[in-house]
Amino acid sequence: MESPTPRIKAGGQLSTFEKYLTLWIFICILLGIALGKVFPELAQTLDQMSIYQVSIPIAVCLFFMMYPIMVKIDFSQAVKAAKTPKPVILTLVVNWLIKPFTMVVFAQFFLGYLFAPFLQMTETIRGVEVNIGSSYIAGCILLGIAPCTAMVLMWGYLSYSNQGHTLVMVAINSLVMLFLYAPLGQFLLAVNNFPVPWQTIVLSVLIYVGIPLITGIYSRHWIFKHKGKEWFETRFLQYLSPIATVALLVTLILLFAFKGDLIVNNPFHILLIAIPLFVQTNFIFLISYVAGLKLKLTYEDAAPAALVGASNHFEVAIATAVVLFGLNSGAALATVVGVLIEVPVMLMLVEICKRTAFWFPREPEKASLFDPRCFPCPPVSGDQQ
């Protein structure tokens, strides 16, 4: 009798950086605060290196955060969604018709009402005095309208999901975000008494989503044509990933360098911001997962559909917050808190998916195409071994 294939612990296949992302964030907080204290003139220097309120150094860092994500996406897979559209439709409904508005509700309830007595201080954004709680709400909103298109591929892998459909969901949501992120962000921020010129949001989306997206599509096509798929996967991505890691860490260090005083004086704010983000993540996962169950999706499709909705594209949220409100704004800090809780919370949800897989119909032969260690694995006869 064959021994069962061992299950892989959640997080077991993450890279060292991804597995300890929360730790790196804490290190960036400390390093950023220290740099802000030692080099207070850094803010003035960065302000001078800007075009239309867009910091050139930050723009460069954020491009290298976004480009590796976009270049990995195979948009040709999107045509396969027409064959089994339910999972993709579910993610679109959740990401664009439900998630943004529930994020507003949770952010307003916790940061605008329940925690309001602890958030009485103000900050200056573009020459206007605003309540710090309102700034945090704005950052949460920017997170809520940015569905994940990067780490969700890893969450799908760890949950033994249908990676083909996960890729389709990522591709379609990336394209939708290019067109809906700006108008939806402008609308929700204005409704919550945080008016922002729509031109500014459009500019930020074009810079931080459009340019990396177009560059990623073109360079992927060029590399496949001249170097081949194998070179792209084994060589190009190997060298590209460390660049994305460095860009993310540098951006976070700069963010915390400008929020050092606020964090030192009010470390409790980090916890206050994390609570509505934690509640939102679990709530969206729950309704997506239950909807997948009611729609009778297979586990391999239901799990990534729920994980796509639960996670956030924090790179876009950080970039937009920096452009709209400034590198030293509470909104930017709120988006960084989203990074802080992303990995541990999503690993918890991945484990929930694996432990509840028996709720759904299974297609082990489909799952095995993407991960031969799927559970429960299909029987393997002697002549197939």
Protein backbone atom coordinates (compact mmCIF):
# COMPACT_ATOMS: atom_id res chain seq x y z
CA MET A 1 0.00 0.00 0.00
CA GLU A 2 1.38 3.35 -1.02
CA SER A 3 1.99 5.93 1.64
CA PRO A 4 -0.08 9.09 1.22
CA THR A 5 1.64 12.07 -0.30
CA PRO A 6 2.62 14.41 2.54
CA ARG A 7 0.82 17.72 2.75
CA ILE A 8 2.92 20.82 2.51
CA LYS A 9 2.61 23.31 5.30
CA ALA A 10 1.31 26.72 4.38
CA GLY A 11 4.23 28.93 3.58
CA GLY A 12 6.54 26.03 2.94
CA GLN A 13 7.06 26.98 -0.70
CA LEU A 14 7.46 30.71 -0.23
CA SER A 15 10.83 32.28 -0.85
CA THR A 16 12.77 33.48 2.17
CA PHE A 17 11.69 37.05 1.52
CA GLU A 18 8.02 36.15 1.07
CA LYS A 19 7.94 33.83 4.08
CA TYR A 20 9.33 36.48 6.42
CA LEU A 21 7.76 39.53 4.77
CA THR A 22 6.25 40.70 8.05
CA LEU A 23 9.70 40.58 9.67
CA TRP A 24 11.21 42.62 6.83
CA ILE A 25 8.45 45.20 7.26
CA PHE A 26 9.33 45.61 10.93
CA ILE A 27 13.00 45.99 10.02
CA CYS A 28 12.05 48.61 7.43
CA ILE A 29 10.05 50.46 10.08
CA LEU A 30 13.07 50.62 12.39
CA LEU A 31 15.51 51.47 9.62
CA GLY A 32 13.18 54.08 8.14
CA ILE A 33 12.63 55.76 11.50
CA ALA A 34 16.37 55.83 12.13
CA LEU A 35 17.07 57.36 8.73
CA GLY A 36 14.34 59.95 9.26
CA LYS A 37 15.97 61.00 12.51
CA VAL A 38 19.54 61.03 11.20
CA PHE A 39 18.80 62.60 7.80
CA PRO A 40 15.79 64.93 8.24
CA GLU A 41 16.76 66.80 5.08
CA LEU A 42 15.84 63.74 3.00
CA ALA A 43 12.24 64.93 2.67
CA GLN A 44 13.26 68.26 1.15
CA THR A 45 15.62 66.54 -1.25
CA LEU A 46 12.91 64.17 -2.52
CA ASP A 47 10.40 66.99 -2.86
CA GLN A 48 12.79 68.79 -5.18
CA MET A 49 13.14 65.68 -7.36
CA SER A 50 9.54 65.59 -8.53
CA ILE A 51 7.35 66.34 -11.55
CA TYR A 52 3.74 67.41 -10.94
CA GLN A 53 3.98 66.19 -7.34
CA VAL A 54 5.29 62.79 -8.47
CA SER A 55 8.56 61.91 -6.76
CA ILE A 56 11.02 60.60 -9.35
CA PRO A 57 12.96 58.31 -6.93
CA ILE A 58 9.72 56.81 -5.62
CA ALA A 59 8.38 56.43 -9.15
CA VAL A 60 11.48 54.45 -10.12
CA CYS A 61 11.21 52.21 -7.05
CA LEU A 62 7.51 51.59 -7.60
CA PHE A 63 8.03 50.77 -11.28
CA PHE A 64 10.45 48.01 -10.34
CA MET A 65 7.92 46.79 -7.77
CA MET A 66 5.18 46.56 -10.38
CA TYR A 67 7.02 45.41 -13.50
CA PRO A 68 8.00 41.92 -12.23
CA ILE A 69 4.32 41.32 -11.40
CA MET A 70 3.05 42.35 -14.80
CA VAL A 71 5.71 40.53 -16.83
CA LYS A 72 4.72 37.21 -15.21
CA ILE A 73 1.09 37.46 -16.35
CA ASP A 74 0.14 35.49 -19.46
CA PHE A 75 -2.80 37.49 -20.78
CA SER A 76 -3.39 34.96 -23.53
CA GLN A 77 -4.86 32.73 -20.84
CA ALA A 78 -7.80 35.14 -20.48
CA VAL A 79 -9.55 33.63 -23.52
CA LYS A 80 -9.93 30.36 -21.62
CA ALA A 81 -12.25 32.06 -19.12
CA ALA A 82 -15.14 31.82 -21.58
CA LYS A 83 -15.21 28.05 -21.18
CA THR A 84 -15.80 28.13 -17.42
CA PRO A 85 -16.71 31.74 -16.56
CA LYS A 86 -18.21 31.29 -13.09
CA PRO A 87 -14.98 31.73 -11.05
CA VAL A 88 -13.93 34.80 -13.03
CA ILE A 89 -17.40 36.37 -12.80
CA LEU A 90 -17.36 35.73 -9.04
CA THR A 91 -14.04 37.54 -8.60
CA LEU A 92 -15.20 40.49 -10.72
CA VAL A 93 -18.42 40.87 -8.74
CA VAL A 94 -16.64 40.61 -5.39
CA ASN A 95 -13.65 42.80 -6.31
CA TRP A 96 -15.54 45.63 -7.99
CA LEU A 97 -19.14 45.56 -6.70
CA ILE A 98 -18.73 44.41 -3.09
CA LYS A 99 -15.19 44.74 -1.75
CA PRO A 100 -14.66 48.50 -2.28
CA PHE A 101 -17.87 49.38 -0.45
CA THR A 102 -17.41 46.99 2.47
CA MET A 103 -13.93 48.46 2.93
CA VAL A 104 -15.51 51.91 3.22
CA VAL A 105 -17.99 50.60 5.79
CA PHE A 106 -15.37 48.90 7.95
CA ALA A 107 -12.90 51.79 7.71
CA GLN A 108 -15.55 54.36 8.58
CA PHE A 109 -16.90 52.28 11.47
CA PHE A 110 -13.55 51.55 13.08
CA LEU A 111 -11.38 54.54 12.16
CA GLY A 112 -14.08 57.16 11.75
CA TYR A 113 -16.32 56.19 14.67
CA LEU A 114 -15.12 53.52 17.11
CA PHE A 115 -11.47 54.62 17.25
CA ALA A 116 -12.16 58.33 16.64
CA PRO A 117 -11.25 59.36 20.23
CA PHE A 118 -7.74 57.97 19.68
CA LEU A 119 -7.28 59.72 16.32
CA GLN A 120 -7.76 63.37 17.15
CA MET A 121 -4.50 64.66 15.67
CA THR A 122 -4.27 66.32 12.27
CA GLU A 123 -1.77 66.37 9.41
CA THR A 124 -1.16 68.67 6.46
CA ILE A 125 -1.75 67.19 3.00
CA ARG A 126 -1.03 69.42 0.03
CA GLY A 127 -1.42 72.50 2.25
CA VAL A 128 -4.74 71.40 3.81
CA GLU A 129 -5.22 70.32 7.44
CA VAL A 130 -7.04 66.99 7.69
CA ASN A 131 -7.85 64.62 10.51
CA ILE A 132 -5.43 61.72 10.70
CA GLY A 133 -8.32 59.26 10.93
CA SER A 134 -9.70 60.51 7.61
CA SER A 135 -6.28 60.04 6.07
CA TYR A 136 -6.13 56.46 7.34
CA ILE A 137 -9.60 55.82 5.89
CA ALA A 138 -8.41 57.10 2.51
CA GLY A 139 -5.49 54.66 2.60
CA CYS A 140 -7.81 51.77 3.46
CA ILE A 141 -10.08 52.71 0.55
CA LEU A 142 -7.15 52.64 -1.85
CA LEU A 143 -6.32 49.15 -0.59
CA GLY A 144 -9.93 48.01 -0.90
CA ILE A 145 -10.17 48.84 -4.59
CA ALA A 146 -6.91 47.13 -5.56
CA PRO A 147 -7.39 43.35 -5.99
CA CYS A 148 -4.22 41.31 -5.70
CA THR A 149 -2.46 40.33 -8.92
CA ALA A 150 0.89 39.12 -7.63
CA MET A 151 1.10 37.17 -4.40
CA VAL A 152 -2.26 35.52 -5.14
CA LEU A 153 -0.43 33.26 -7.60
CA MET A 154 1.55 31.98 -4.63
CA TRP A 155 -1.59 31.66 -2.48
CA GLY A 156 -3.19 29.67 -5.27
CA TYR A 157 -0.18 27.38 -5.46
CA LEU A 158 -0.07 26.79 -1.73
CA SER A 159 -3.79 25.98 -1.61
CA TYR A 160 -3.44 23.45 -4.47
CA SER A 161 -5.75 25.50 -6.67
CA ASN A 162 -6.26 25.48 -10.41
CA GLN A 163 -3.33 27.67 -11.39
CA GLY A 164 -4.65 28.10 -14.90
CA HIS A 165 -7.83 29.74 -13.67
CA THR A 166 -5.90 31.73 -11.08
CA LEU A 167 -3.82 33.17 -13.89
CA VAL A 168 -6.97 34.06 -15.82
CA MET A 169 -8.42 35.84 -12.77
CA VAL A 170 -5.20 37.79 -12.32
CA ALA A 171 -5.05 38.81 -15.98
CA ILE A 172 -8.66 39.97 -16.18
CA ASN A 173 -8.57 41.84 -12.87
CA SER A 174 -5.37 43.59 -13.94
CA LEU A 175 -7.06 44.84 -17.09
CA VAL A 176 -10.21 45.88 -15.23
CA MET A 177 -8.14 47.72 -12.63
CA LEU A 178 -6.55 49.77 -15.37
CA PHE A 179 -9.97 51.22 -16.24
CA LEU A 180 -11.96 51.14 -12.97
CA TYR A 181 -9.39 51.97 -10.29
CA ALA A 182 -9.27 55.70 -11.06
CA PRO A 183 -13.01 56.47 -11.30
CA LEU A 184 -13.92 54.21 -8.39
CA GLY A 185 -11.17 55.67 -6.21
CA GLN A 186 -12.17 59.22 -7.04
CA PHE A 187 -15.82 58.48 -6.28
CA LEU A 188 -15.26 56.73 -2.93
CA LEU A 189 -12.73 59.28 -1.69
CA ALA A 190 -15.03 62.18 -2.64
CA VAL A 191 -18.05 60.56 -0.99
CA ASN A 192 -16.01 60.21 2.20
CA ASN A 193 -15.20 63.94 2.25
CA PHE A 194 -11.71 63.45 0.84
CA PRO A 195 -11.94 65.13 -2.57
CA VAL A 196 -9.11 64.35 -4.95
CA PRO A 197 -8.77 65.57 -8.54
CA TRP A 198 -9.63 62.68 -10.83
CA GLN A 199 -6.75 63.69 -13.09
CA THR A 200 -4.33 62.89 -10.26
CA ILE A 201 -5.72 59.38 -9.79
CA VAL A 202 -5.71 58.72 -13.53
CA LEU A 203 -2.08 59.87 -13.68
CA SER A 204 -1.10 57.59 -10.80
CA VAL A 205 -2.83 54.57 -12.36
CA LEU A 206 -1.22 55.22 -15.73
CA ILE A 207 2.22 55.61 -14.17
CA TYR A 208 2.08 52.72 -11.70
CA VAL A 209 -0.19 50.27 -13.52
CA GLY A 210 -0.30 51.29 -17.17
CA ILE A 211 3.42 51.70 -17.83
CA PRO A 212 4.50 48.48 -16.03
CA LEU A 213 1.61 46.61 -17.66
CA ILE A 214 2.48 47.71 -21.21
CA THR A 215 6.20 47.22 -20.59
CA GLY A 216 5.57 43.78 -19.10
CA ILE A 217 3.41 42.61 -22.02
CA TYR A 218 5.86 43.87 -24.63
CA SER A 219 9.03 42.57 -22.96
CA ARG A 220 7.42 39.18 -22.28
CA HIS A 221 6.50 38.88 -25.97
CA TRP A 222 9.97 39.98 -27.08
CA ILE A 223 11.78 37.59 -24.73
CA PHE A 224 9.58 34.63 -25.70
CA LYS A 225 10.25 35.39 -29.39
CA HIS A 226 14.02 35.91 -29.17
CA LYS A 227 15.10 33.96 -26.08
CA GLY A 228 12.39 31.39 -25.52
CA LYS A 229 10.08 30.51 -22.64
CA GLU A 230 12.67 28.41 -20.83
CA TRP A 231 15.18 31.29 -20.69
CA PHE A 232 12.44 33.62 -19.49
CA GLU A 233 11.42 31.33 -16.62
CA THR A 234 14.84 30.04 -15.56
CA ARG A 235 17.07 33.06 -16.14
CA PHE A 236 15.15 36.31 -16.58
CA LEU A 237 12.74 35.91 -13.66
CA GLN A 238 15.58 34.67 -11.45
CA TYR A 239 17.44 37.95 -11.89
CA LEU A 240 14.30 40.09 -11.83
CA SER A 241 12.84 38.92 -8.51
CA PRO A 242 15.66 40.34 -6.31
CA ILE A 243 15.23 43.71 -8.04
CA ALA A 244 11.55 43.76 -7.12
CA THR A 245 12.41 42.83 -3.55
CA VAL A 246 14.96 45.62 -3.22
CA ALA A 247 12.53 48.15 -4.75
CA LEU A 248 9.81 47.20 -2.28
CA LEU A 249 12.14 47.43 0.70
CA VAL A 250 13.58 50.79 -0.39
CA THR A 251 10.07 52.19 -0.89
CA LEU A 252 8.98 51.03 2.55
CA ILE A 253 12.10 52.48 4.17
CA LEU A 254 11.37 55.84 2.57
CA LEU A 255 7.73 55.70 3.66
CA PHE A 256 8.63 55.03 7.28
CA ALA A 257 11.44 57.55 7.25
CA PHE A 258 8.78 60.24 6.90
CA LYS A 259 6.32 58.71 9.37
CA GLY A 260 8.89 58.05 12.09
CA ASP A 261 7.59 60.67 14.51
CA LEU A 262 4.00 59.49 14.18
CA ILE A 263 4.96 55.85 14.74
CA VAL A 264 7.22 56.60 17.71
CA ASN A 265 4.62 58.82 19.34
CA ASN A 266 1.58 56.72 18.38
CA PRO A 267 2.52 53.07 17.78
CA PHE A 268 -1.05 52.24 18.74
CA HIS A 269 -2.14 53.67 15.37
CA ILE A 270 -0.62 50.69 13.56
CA LEU A 271 -2.92 48.35 15.49
CA LEU A 272 -5.94 50.58 14.95
CA ILE A 273 -5.39 50.57 11.18
CA ALA A 274 -4.76 46.81 11.12
CA ILE A 275 -8.11 45.94 12.73
CA PRO A 276 -10.45 47.07 9.91
CA LEU A 277 -8.06 45.64 7.32
CA PHE A 278 -8.06 42.29 9.13
CA VAL A 279 -11.85 42.25 9.40
CA GLN A 280 -12.25 43.23 5.74
CA THR A 281 -9.88 40.52 4.53
CA ASN A 282 -11.67 37.76 6.41
CA PHE A 283 -15.14 39.04 5.51
CA ILE A 284 -14.41 39.15 1.77
CA PHE A 285 -12.84 35.71 1.91
CA LEU A 286 -15.90 34.34 3.71
CA ILE A 287 -18.50 35.68 1.29
CA SER A 288 -16.40 34.64 -1.74
CA TYR A 289 -15.80 31.16 -0.38
CA VAL A 290 -19.45 30.64 0.53
CA ALA A 291 -20.52 32.00 -2.88
CA GLY A 292 -18.20 29.49 -4.54
CA LEU A 293 -19.82 26.75 -2.49
CA LYS A 294 -23.33 27.87 -3.48
CA LEU A 295 -22.29 28.11 -7.15
CA LYS A 296 -21.02 24.51 -6.87
CA LEU A 297 -17.54 25.41 -8.01
CA THR A 298 -14.83 22.83 -7.64
CA TYR A 299 -12.39 23.44 -4.82
CA GLU A 300 -9.62 24.14 -7.32
CA ASP A 301 -11.62 27.12 -8.65
CA ALA A 302 -13.37 28.26 -5.45
CA ALA A 303 -10.16 28.63 -3.43
CA PRO A 304 -8.35 31.08 -5.76
CA ALA A 305 -11.59 33.01 -6.35
CA ALA A 306 -11.82 33.64 -2.61
CA LEU A 307 -8.12 34.37 -2.21
CA VAL A 308 -8.05 36.88 -5.07
CA GLY A 309 -10.80 38.87 -3.39
CA ALA A 310 -9.32 38.65 0.10
CA SER A 311 -5.83 39.87 -0.77
CA ASN A 312 -4.86 43.35 -1.94
CA HIS A 313 -2.56 44.82 -4.55
CA PHE A 314 -0.66 46.85 -1.97
CA GLU A 315 1.94 48.02 -4.50
CA VAL A 316 -0.68 49.98 -6.45
CA ALA A 317 -2.30 51.23 -3.24
CA ILE A 318 1.05 52.47 -1.88
CA ALA A 319 1.91 54.13 -5.17
CA THR A 320 -1.45 55.87 -5.46
CA ALA A 321 -1.39 57.03 -1.83
CA VAL A 322 2.09 58.51 -2.32
CA VAL A 323 1.04 60.40 -5.45
CA LEU A 324 -2.29 61.62 -4.06
CA PHE A 325 -1.42 62.47 -0.48
CA GLY A 326 2.35 62.50 -0.22
CA LEU A 327 5.06 60.19 0.99
CA ASN A 328 4.59 61.28 4.61
CA SER A 329 0.80 60.99 4.72
CA GLY A 330 -1.36 58.85 6.96
CA ALA A 331 -2.92 57.36 3.84
CA ALA A 332 0.47 56.06 2.72
CA LEU A 333 1.06 54.64 6.19
CA ALA A 334 -2.31 52.83 6.09
CA THR A 335 -1.41 51.13 2.82
CA VAL A 336 1.90 49.99 4.32
CA VAL A 337 0.03 48.46 7.26
CA GLY A 338 -1.80 46.45 4.60
CA VAL A 339 1.56 44.98 3.61
CA LEU A 340 2.32 44.28 7.25
CA ILE A 341 -0.67 41.97 7.77
CA GLU A 342 -0.95 40.56 4.24
CA VAL A 343 1.29 37.49 4.52
CA PRO A 344 0.28 36.10 7.95
CA VAL A 345 -3.45 36.62 7.30
CA MET A 346 -3.34 35.11 3.82
CA LEU A 347 -1.35 32.09 5.04
CA MET A 348 -4.08 31.57 7.64
CA LEU A 349 -6.75 31.67 4.91
CA VAL A 350 -4.74 29.28 2.72
CA GLU A 351 -4.73 26.82 5.60
CA ILE A 352 -8.49 27.24 6.00
CA CYS A 353 -8.93 26.46 2.31
CA LYS A 354 -6.91 23.27 2.58
CA ARG A 355 -8.76 22.09 5.68
CA THR A 356 -12.19 22.70 4.10
CA ALA A 357 -11.46 21.34 0.63
CA PHE A 358 -13.81 18.41 1.28
CA TRP A 359 -16.76 20.85 1.26
CA PHE A 360 -16.39 21.19 -2.51
CA PRO A 361 -16.43 18.80 -5.46
CA ARG A 362 -12.89 17.91 -6.45
CA GLU A 363 -11.20 17.58 -9.79
CA PRO A 364 -7.90 15.93 -8.81
CA GLU A 365 -6.95 15.21 -12.41
CA LYS A 366 -7.18 18.95 -13.17
CA ALA A 367 -5.31 19.94 -10.02
CA SER A 368 -2.55 17.45 -10.73
CA LEU A 369 -1.75 19.28 -13.96
CA PHE A 370 -0.50 22.18 -11.88
CA ASP A 371 0.64 20.54 -8.68
CA PRO A 372 1.29 16.79 -8.63
CA ARG A 373 1.22 16.87 -4.84
CA CYS A 374 -2.48 17.79 -4.75
CA PHE A 375 -4.56 16.36 -1.95
CA PRO A 376 -6.17 13.93 -2.10
CA CYS A 377 -3.98 12.80 -4.99
CA PRO A 378 -5.57 10.66 -7.72
CA PRO A 379 -4.65 7.00 -7.55
CA VAL A 380 -1.51 6.14 -9.47
CA SER A 381 -1.40 2.71 -11.03
CA GLY A 382 1.79 0.75 -11.26
CA ASP A 383 2.31 1.41 -14.96
CA GLN A 384 1.94 5.17 -14.42
CA GLN A 385 4.65 5.44 -11.82
